[in-house]
Protein backbone atom coordinates (compact mmCIF):
# COMPACT_ATOMS: atom_id res chain seq x y z
CA MET A 1 7.93 -23.39 -13.55
CA ASP A 2 6.33 -20.53 -11.60
CA ILE A 3 2.66 -20.36 -10.63
CA THR A 4 1.76 -18.02 -13.52
CA SER A 5 3.19 -20.31 -16.18
CA SER A 6 1.57 -23.35 -14.59
CA MET A 7 -1.79 -21.56 -14.78
CA LEU A 8 -1.10 -20.77 -18.42
CA HIS A 9 -0.62 -24.42 -19.35
CA SER A 10 -3.31 -26.16 -17.35
CA ALA A 11 -6.90 -25.25 -16.74
CA PRO A 12 -9.10 -26.40 -13.85
CA GLY A 13 -10.05 -30.02 -14.30
CA GLY A 14 -6.71 -30.92 -15.85
CA LEU A 15 -7.50 -29.69 -19.37
CA GLU A 16 -4.54 -28.38 -21.32
CA THR A 17 -5.14 -24.97 -22.86
CA GLY A 18 -3.11 -22.13 -24.23
CA LYS A 19 -5.14 -19.51 -22.38
CA ALA A 20 -4.24 -18.04 -19.01
CA VAL A 21 -6.43 -19.05 -16.09
CA SER A 22 -7.23 -16.53 -13.41
CA PRO A 23 -6.05 -17.61 -9.94
CA THR A 24 -9.45 -16.52 -8.61
CA ALA A 25 -11.45 -18.48 -11.19
CA THR A 26 -14.06 -20.65 -9.55
CA ALA A 27 -15.92 -23.71 -10.68
CA ALA A 28 -19.60 -23.54 -11.57
CA ARG A 29 -21.81 -23.02 -8.55
CA PRO A 30 -23.64 -26.13 -7.38
CA THR A 31 -27.41 -26.22 -7.62
CA ALA A 32 -29.60 -26.16 -4.53
CA GLU A 33 -30.47 -29.81 -5.13
CA ALA A 34 -26.79 -30.80 -5.21
CA VAL A 35 -26.14 -28.96 -1.96
CA ALA A 36 -29.16 -30.57 -0.30
CA LYS A 37 -28.05 -34.02 -1.47
CA ARG A 38 -24.49 -33.49 -0.22
CA THR A 39 -25.80 -32.20 3.11
CA ALA A 40 -28.12 -35.18 3.48
CA ASN A 41 -25.19 -37.52 2.81
CA LEU A 42 -23.12 -35.84 5.50
CA PHE A 43 -25.73 -35.30 8.20
CA GLY A 44 -28.63 -37.59 7.35
CA THR A 45 -32.11 -36.09 7.36
CA ALA A 46 -32.85 -32.75 8.96
CA GLY A 47 -34.57 -34.43 11.89
CA GLU A 48 -31.54 -36.63 12.58
CA ALA A 49 -29.23 -33.62 12.46
CA GLN A 50 -31.35 -31.82 15.05
CA LYS A 51 -31.40 -34.86 17.33
CA THR A 52 -27.63 -35.34 17.21
CA ALA A 53 -26.61 -31.67 17.30
CA PRO A 54 -25.21 -30.63 20.66
CA THR A 55 -27.24 -28.07 22.53
CA MET A 56 -25.50 -24.75 22.88
CA ARG A 57 -25.75 -22.99 26.21
CA ARG A 58 -24.95 -19.39 26.71
CA MET A 59 -22.01 -19.11 29.07
CA PRO A 60 -21.48 -15.91 31.02
CA LEU A 61 -18.41 -14.04 29.84
CA PRO A 62 -15.81 -12.86 32.38
CA ALA A 63 -15.65 -9.36 30.86
CA HIS A 64 -17.68 -6.93 28.80
CA VAL A 65 -16.75 -4.22 26.30
CA GLU A 66 -17.46 -0.52 26.59
CA LEU A 67 -17.01 1.80 23.62
CA ASP A 68 -16.40 5.51 24.02
CA ILE A 69 -15.00 8.43 22.02
CA ASP A 70 -11.89 10.13 23.35
CA ARG A 71 -12.39 13.90 23.15
CA GLY A 72 -8.69 14.75 22.78
CA SER A 73 -7.92 12.45 19.86
CA GLY A 74 -11.41 11.97 18.42
CA ARG A 75 -10.83 8.19 18.33
CA VAL A 76 -13.13 5.37 19.36
CA VAL A 77 -11.82 3.66 22.50
CA GLY A 78 -12.69 0.09 23.44
CA ARG A 79 -12.31 -1.03 27.04
CA PHE A 80 -12.58 -4.64 28.21
CA ILE A 81 -13.88 -4.51 31.78
CA ASP A 82 -13.84 -7.39 34.27
CA ASN A 83 -17.41 -8.15 35.38
CA GLN A 84 -16.46 -9.08 38.94
CA THR A 85 -13.99 -6.33 39.83
CA GLY A 86 -14.91 -3.57 37.38
CA ASP A 87 -11.23 -3.12 36.49
CA ILE A 88 -10.14 -2.32 32.95
CA VAL A 89 -8.51 -5.49 31.64
CA ARG A 90 -7.40 -3.96 28.34
CA GLN A 91 -7.92 -0.75 26.43
CA VAL A 92 -7.55 -0.23 22.69
CA PRO A 93 -5.93 2.16 21.80
CA THR A 94 -3.82 2.56 24.96
CA GLU A 95 -3.72 5.76 27.03
CA GLU A 96 -0.24 6.51 25.69
CA MET A 97 -1.45 6.24 22.10
CA LEU A 98 -4.46 8.48 22.86
CA ARG A 99 -2.14 11.15 24.32
CA LEU A 100 0.12 10.91 21.25
CA LEU A 101 -2.84 11.21 18.88
CA ALA A 102 -4.26 14.18 20.81
CA LYS A 103 -0.89 15.98 20.75
CA THR A 104 -0.49 15.28 17.02
CA ARG A 105 -3.97 16.63 16.37
CA GLU A 106 -3.14 19.76 18.39
CA LEU A 107 0.14 20.32 16.52
CA ILE A 108 -1.51 19.91 13.11
CA GLY A 109 -4.15 22.44 14.14
CA THR A 110 -1.47 24.91 15.22
CA LEU A 111 0.41 24.41 11.95
CA PHE A 112 -2.69 25.14 9.87
CA ASP A 113 -3.50 28.20 11.99
CA GLU A 114 0.00 29.60 11.34
CA MET A 115 -0.27 28.92 7.60
CA ALA A 116 -3.60 30.76 7.32
């Protein structure tokens, strides 16, 4: 039995029906009270959750991102730069890809100029 026929024969909750059930069908949304009750059961009261929650500290990242637009290709370029050395760790898209895109853009422009 494939997934479509199994959805045809059984509805959510185990009820047998003759109607097809959408694979994206969702159950009824819980009320705010139900969510609050479930949360309280999991975490206790709000005060207890705050006391037991770990404190998050902001850690310095080893690199930062710079965004730029390449003039030849017209694409956005992202560069990950090491904070200590200033070297480019990674670039997206790569220099080779930027050159290919710029050449393609130039050739398409030439083609349209010849057609006009």
